Protein backbone atom coordinates (compact mmCIF):
# COMPACT_ATOMS: atom_id res chain seq x y z
CA MET A 1 32.63 -2.22 133.36
CA GLU A 2 31.64 1.76 131.50
CA GLU A 3 28.31 1.96 131.42
CA GLU A 4 27.21 2.40 127.45
CA ARG A 5 26.54 5.62 126.02
CA SER A 6 23.30 6.72 124.91
CA GLU A 7 23.24 9.77 122.48
CA VAL A 8 19.81 11.76 122.52
CA TYR A 9 19.24 13.73 119.35
CA GLU A 10 17.13 16.41 119.56
CA ARG A 11 15.62 15.09 116.03
CA ILE A 12 15.87 11.50 114.09
CA PRO A 13 17.79 12.73 110.84
CA TRP A 14 16.00 11.17 108.09
CA GLU A 15 17.56 12.30 105.11
CA THR A 16 20.45 9.85 105.75
CA LEU A 17 18.51 7.27 106.31
CA ASP A 18 17.03 7.63 103.09
CA GLN A 19 19.68 8.35 100.57
CA LYS A 20 21.12 4.99 102.10
CA LYS A 21 18.22 2.96 101.03
CA GLY A 22 18.08 4.87 97.82
CA ASP A 23 21.59 3.45 96.76
CA ARG A 24 20.70 0.13 98.04
CA GLN A 25 17.72 -0.18 95.65
CA TRP A 26 20.09 1.18 92.57
CA ILE A 27 22.39 -2.18 93.52
CA ILE A 28 19.89 -4.18 93.80
CA PHE A 29 18.85 -3.35 89.80
CA ALA A 30 22.12 -3.58 89.04
CA ILE A 31 22.24 -7.31 90.16
CA ALA A 32 18.98 -8.52 88.92
CA GLY A 33 19.94 -6.74 85.79
CA ALA A 34 23.08 -8.67 85.43
CA VAL A 35 21.49 -12.41 85.88
CA VAL A 36 18.81 -11.70 83.45
CA LEU A 37 21.12 -10.75 80.82
CA GLY A 38 22.84 -13.85 81.33
CA ALA A 39 20.15 -15.86 81.19
CA LEU A 40 19.44 -14.82 78.08
CA ALA A 41 22.75 -14.67 76.71
CA TYR A 42 23.04 -18.15 78.18
CA SER A 43 19.46 -19.58 75.98
CA PHE A 44 20.29 -17.52 72.94
CA MET A 45 24.03 -19.44 72.82
CA SER A 46 22.00 -22.73 73.63
CA ASN A 47 19.67 -22.72 71.31
CA ARG A 48 22.01 -22.19 68.01
CA PRO A 49 22.16 -24.78 65.72
CA GLN A 50 25.58 -26.07 64.61
CA ALA A 51 26.65 -25.51 61.38
CA GLU A 52 27.51 -28.74 59.88
CA PRO A 53 30.96 -29.66 58.16
CA SER A 54 30.36 -28.69 54.31
CA ALA A 55 31.61 -31.31 52.17
CA PRO A 56 35.05 -30.79 50.39
CA VAL A 57 34.53 -29.44 46.76
CA VAL A 58 35.96 -31.72 43.71
CA ALA A 59 37.09 -29.96 40.68
CA ALA A 60 35.27 -30.79 37.78
CA PRO A 61 37.93 -32.18 35.38
CA LEU A 62 37.92 -29.36 31.93
CA PRO A 63 37.06 -31.16 28.85
CA ALA A 64 39.81 -31.15 25.69
CA ALA A 65 40.15 -27.79 24.17
CA GLU A 66 39.24 -28.38 20.53
CA PRO A 67 41.52 -27.31 17.66
CA ALA A 68 40.44 -23.78 16.48
CA GLU A 69 38.48 -23.93 13.21
CA PRO A 70 40.50 -21.54 10.54
CA VAL A 71 39.44 -18.42 9.74
CA VAL A 72 38.22 -17.60 6.02
CA PRO A 73 38.42 -14.14 4.76
CA VAL A 74 35.09 -12.98 3.57
CA PRO A 75 35.50 -11.02 0.57
CA ALA A 76 33.95 -7.31 -0.01
CA LEU A 77 30.94 -7.15 -1.19
CA PRO A 78 30.89 -4.50 -4.11
CA PRO A 79 29.43 -1.01 -3.63
CA ALA A 80 25.46 -1.08 -4.50
CA ALA A 81 24.35 0.11 -7.91
CA THR A 82 23.09 4.16 -7.65
CA GLY A 83 21.76 3.97 -11.41
CA PRO A 84 18.80 2.82 -13.26
CA VAL A 85 17.29 -0.53 -12.34
CA VAL A 86 17.67 -2.21 -16.11
CA VAL A 87 15.01 -5.09 -17.22
CA ALA A 88 17.26 -7.79 -18.43
CA GLU A 89 15.85 -9.33 -21.46
CA ALA A 90 15.91 -12.95 -20.08
CA ASP A 91 13.87 -11.79 -17.16
CA LEU A 92 11.32 -10.11 -19.41
CA PHE A 93 9.88 -13.56 -20.71
CA ALA A 94 9.16 -14.67 -16.61
CA VAL A 95 6.74 -11.62 -16.74
CA ASN A 96 3.35 -12.43 -17.35
CA PRO A 97 2.27 -12.21 -21.14
CA GLU A 98 -1.05 -10.29 -20.40
CA ARG A 99 1.85 -8.00 -18.54
CA LEU A 100 3.48 -7.46 -21.98
CA LEU A 101 0.43 -6.66 -23.87
CA ASP A 102 -1.43 -4.12 -21.40
CA GLN A 103 1.81 -2.12 -21.67
CA ALA A 104 2.19 -2.47 -25.07
CA VAL A 105 -1.45 -1.03 -25.74
CA ALA A 106 -0.64 1.66 -23.30
CA HIS A 107 2.01 2.56 -25.30
CA ALA A 108 0.90 2.68 -28.57
CA GLU A 109 -2.05 4.71 -28.18
CA TRP A 110 0.29 7.21 -26.46
CA PHE A 111 1.95 7.08 -29.14
CA VAL A 112 -1.09 7.87 -31.77
CA ALA A 113 -2.80 10.22 -29.85
CA GLU A 114 0.49 12.51 -29.88
CA TYR A 115 1.05 11.62 -33.52
CA PHE A 116 -1.99 12.99 -34.75
CA THR A 117 -2.02 16.19 -32.51
CA ALA A 118 -0.68 19.43 -34.00
CA ASP A 119 -0.96 22.57 -31.39
CA GLY A 120 2.24 23.83 -32.37
CA SER A 121 3.97 23.63 -29.02
CA GLU A 122 7.13 22.26 -27.50
CA GLN A 123 6.49 20.36 -25.76
CA HIS A 124 4.31 18.17 -27.77
CA SER A 125 7.13 18.04 -30.30
CA SER A 126 9.50 17.27 -27.33
CA THR A 127 7.20 14.66 -26.34
CA LEU A 128 6.53 13.58 -30.16
CA ALA A 129 10.31 13.09 -30.73
CA SER A 130 11.07 11.28 -27.41
CA LEU A 131 8.22 8.20 -28.62
CA MET A 132 8.92 8.25 -32.34
CA PRO A 133 11.60 6.24 -34.09
CA ALA A 134 15.44 7.64 -34.27
CA GLY A 135 15.38 9.28 -37.58
CA ILE A 136 12.59 9.85 -38.14
CA PRO A 137 10.62 13.19 -38.94
CA LEU A 138 7.88 14.61 -37.05
CA PRO A 139 4.44 15.18 -38.66
CA SER A 140 4.70 18.91 -39.81
CA ALA A 141 1.38 21.03 -40.06
CA PRO A 142 0.35 24.18 -42.38
CA ASP A 143 0.64 27.16 -40.04
CA GLY A 144 -2.83 27.76 -38.18
CA THR A 145 -3.75 24.12 -38.59
CA ARG A 146 -5.67 23.14 -35.70
CA ILE A 147 -5.98 19.48 -34.44
CA PHE A 148 -7.76 17.86 -31.11
CA VAL A 149 -7.79 14.73 -30.35
CA GLU A 150 -10.38 13.36 -29.81
CA SER A 151 -10.32 9.71 -27.99
CA VAL A 152 -8.00 6.85 -28.71
CA GLY A 153 -8.97 2.75 -28.31
CA SER A 154 -7.05 0.10 -29.03
CA LEU A 155 -9.38 -2.41 -31.49
CA ASP A 156 -6.85 -5.23 -31.77
CA VAL A 157 -3.05 -6.57 -30.61
CA ALA A 158 -1.57 -9.10 -31.87
CA GLU A 159 2.25 -10.89 -30.97
CA LEU A 160 4.14 -11.20 -34.44
CA GLU A 161 7.28 -12.32 -32.42
CA SER A 162 8.33 -12.95 -28.52
CA LEU A 163 8.13 -9.33 -27.17
CA ARG A 164 7.41 -7.58 -30.67
CA TYR A 165 3.50 -6.71 -30.76
CA GLU A 166 0.72 -4.38 -34.02
CA VAL A 167 -1.64 -2.84 -32.19
CA THR A 168 -4.54 -1.30 -33.92
CA VAL A 169 -5.60 2.10 -32.74
CA LEU A 170 -8.69 3.85 -33.38
CA VAL A 171 -8.18 7.42 -33.74
CA ARG A 172 -11.31 10.00 -33.34
CA TYR A 173 -9.48 14.09 -34.02
CA LEU A 174 -11.13 17.12 -34.67
CA LEU A 175 -9.21 19.88 -37.02
CA ALA A 176 -9.49 23.64 -36.72
CA LYS A 177 -7.58 25.68 -39.38
CA ASP A 178 -7.44 29.75 -39.12
CA ASP A 179 -9.80 31.30 -37.19
CA GLU A 180 -13.14 28.12 -37.82
CA ILE A 181 -14.06 26.14 -35.25
CA TYR A 182 -12.84 22.53 -34.87
CA ARG A 183 -14.68 20.11 -37.21
CA ARG A 184 -14.28 16.23 -36.40
CA GLN A 185 -13.05 14.32 -38.94
CA PRO A 186 -13.84 11.34 -39.65
CA PRO A 187 -12.44 8.51 -37.88
CA VAL A 188 -8.63 6.20 -39.33
CA VAL A 189 -7.20 3.40 -37.79
CA ALA A 190 -3.36 3.85 -36.90
CA THR A 191 -1.96 0.03 -36.35
CA VAL A 192 1.95 -0.01 -34.34
CA GLU A 193 4.20 -1.91 -33.92
CA VAL A 194 5.63 -1.99 -30.25
CA VAL A 195 8.44 -3.87 -29.26
CA ILE A 196 9.67 -4.75 -25.69
CA GLY A 197 13.33 -3.98 -24.50
CA ASP A 198 15.31 -3.89 -21.31
CA SER A 199 14.15 -0.39 -20.99
CA GLY A 200 10.48 -0.58 -21.48
CA PRO A 201 8.27 -0.61 -24.78
CA ARG A 202 9.32 1.03 -27.68
CA ILE A 203 7.58 2.27 -31.27
CA ALA A 204 9.47 -0.03 -34.12
CA LEU A 205 8.15 1.77 -37.12
CA PRO A 206 5.85 4.64 -38.32
CA PRO A 207 2.14 4.20 -38.16
CA GLN A 208 -0.07 2.49 -40.99
CA ILE A 209 -2.73 4.89 -41.24
CA SER A 210 -6.28 3.28 -43.11
CA ALA A 211 -9.84 4.78 -43.26
CA VAL A 212 -12.20 2.57 -41.28
CA ALA A 213 -15.19 0.49 -43.12
CA ALA A 214 -18.44 1.67 -41.99
CA PRO A 215 -20.30 -1.54 -40.30
CA SER A 216 -23.10 -2.46 -41.30
CA PRO A 217 -25.74 -2.75 -38.19
CA GLU A 218 -27.39 -4.93 -36.67
CA GLN A 219 -30.81 -6.31 -37.52
CA LEU A 220 -32.59 -5.22 -34.93
CA ALA A 221 -37.02 -6.67 -35.09
CA LEU A 222 -39.06 -4.42 -32.87
CA ASP A 223 -42.91 -5.98 -31.97
CA GLU A 224 -45.67 -3.93 -31.06
CA VAL A 225 -45.62 -4.41 -26.70
CA PRO A 226 -48.74 -4.89 -25.06
CA ALA A 227 -51.26 -1.63 -23.98
CA GLU A 228 -50.18 -2.87 -20.18
CA VAL A 229 -46.42 -2.64 -20.92
CA GLY A 230 -46.37 0.97 -22.57
CA GLU A 231 -48.14 1.75 -19.49
CA ALA A 232 -45.44 0.38 -17.70
CA VAL A 233 -43.13 2.30 -19.52
CA LYS A 234 -44.94 5.40 -19.00
CA GLN A 235 -45.17 5.32 -15.12
CA LEU A 236 -41.60 4.85 -14.77
CA THR A 237 -39.98 6.99 -17.10
CA GLY A 238 -43.32 9.15 -18.12
CA SER A 239 -42.56 8.83 -21.81
CA THR A 240 -45.11 7.53 -24.25
CA GLU A 241 -42.80 7.19 -27.34
CA ILE A 242 -42.24 3.57 -27.63
CA ILE A 243 -40.47 2.13 -30.94
CA GLY A 244 -41.95 -1.59 -30.25
CA GLY A 245 -39.86 -4.04 -28.02
CA THR A 246 -39.21 -7.70 -28.21
CA GLN A 247 -40.22 -10.68 -25.29
CA ARG A 248 -38.14 -12.53 -23.05
CA ALA A 249 -37.87 -15.64 -22.57
CA ASP A 250 -39.01 -15.18 -18.92
CA GLY A 251 -41.98 -13.53 -19.87
CA GLY A 252 -40.91 -9.70 -19.62
CA TRP A 253 -40.23 -6.88 -22.03
CA ASN A 254 -37.01 -5.03 -23.08
CA VAL A 255 -38.79 -1.73 -24.62
CA VAL A 256 -36.95 0.69 -26.76
CA MET A 257 -38.31 4.29 -26.72
CA LEU A 258 -37.22 7.79 -27.16
CA THR A 259 -36.48 9.86 -24.34
CA THR A 260 -34.99 13.66 -24.12
CA GLY A 261 -32.18 14.02 -21.99
CA ALA A 262 -31.09 17.13 -19.52
CA ASP A 263 -28.82 17.96 -22.82
CA GLY A 264 -32.20 17.97 -24.83
CA VAL A 265 -31.38 16.27 -27.21
CA THR A 266 -33.78 13.19 -27.78
CA ARG A 267 -32.38 10.03 -27.91
CA PRO A 268 -33.99 6.29 -28.61
CA VAL A 269 -32.75 4.41 -25.13
CA TRP A 270 -34.16 0.49 -23.90
CA ILE A 271 -35.78 -0.29 -21.03
CA GLN A 272 -36.35 -3.23 -18.97
CA ILE A 273 -40.05 -4.30 -18.09
CA PRO A 274 -40.61 -7.31 -16.09
């Protein structure tokens, strides 16, 4: 029997021992990781809910198709009118009668103002010609005559028949000849017939002209006012020219007095004193 050989090393090879020890550690870590991953995979698969079998889908029966309605052709609309809107006479009867009266009065006053004006302008002649009934000549004034219409106002309006009115207009105007200044003329009354048709109001006939009858003044009986009333008038207006007054039912007074305006003209006015 041979004697066992014993190797004698001058030094211990520690680097060889450390290398083998490191390889064993990596092997252990790999095995442990595989075990952990397998455990997690098993836990996940065991806890996953089982899918329930879905119920079979039964298709609902389709309703029977109704017979299609026949298509009726729609006639094309006529093109929209582009001309002026014309009001039929039947539509005028549906208008408030007071509105028709207002139209007749306004048209008569316009016509009368143009009828009495004389300024020699072409614009005035063309305007009056459009208002005057067809075939009637326009008024003509002597050379150098100028007429300025100061005011026109309707006094009365009457319905002669359906959509035909008679309007009475009071006219005040000033007259000048050649180089003279304008002078006020006596007022006159013009009676005008106006018809309202599809195109609006129109003058039916030349006007009737008549003088204005002088009206009779209202009789006003004035009493002498008490001293305290006169003093109240003086304090309120500064005027001391009291003509007289009338006592009201509530005990107050309506006092007539003279006052001078900013234009320097003294005029009678009245004031109410409580």
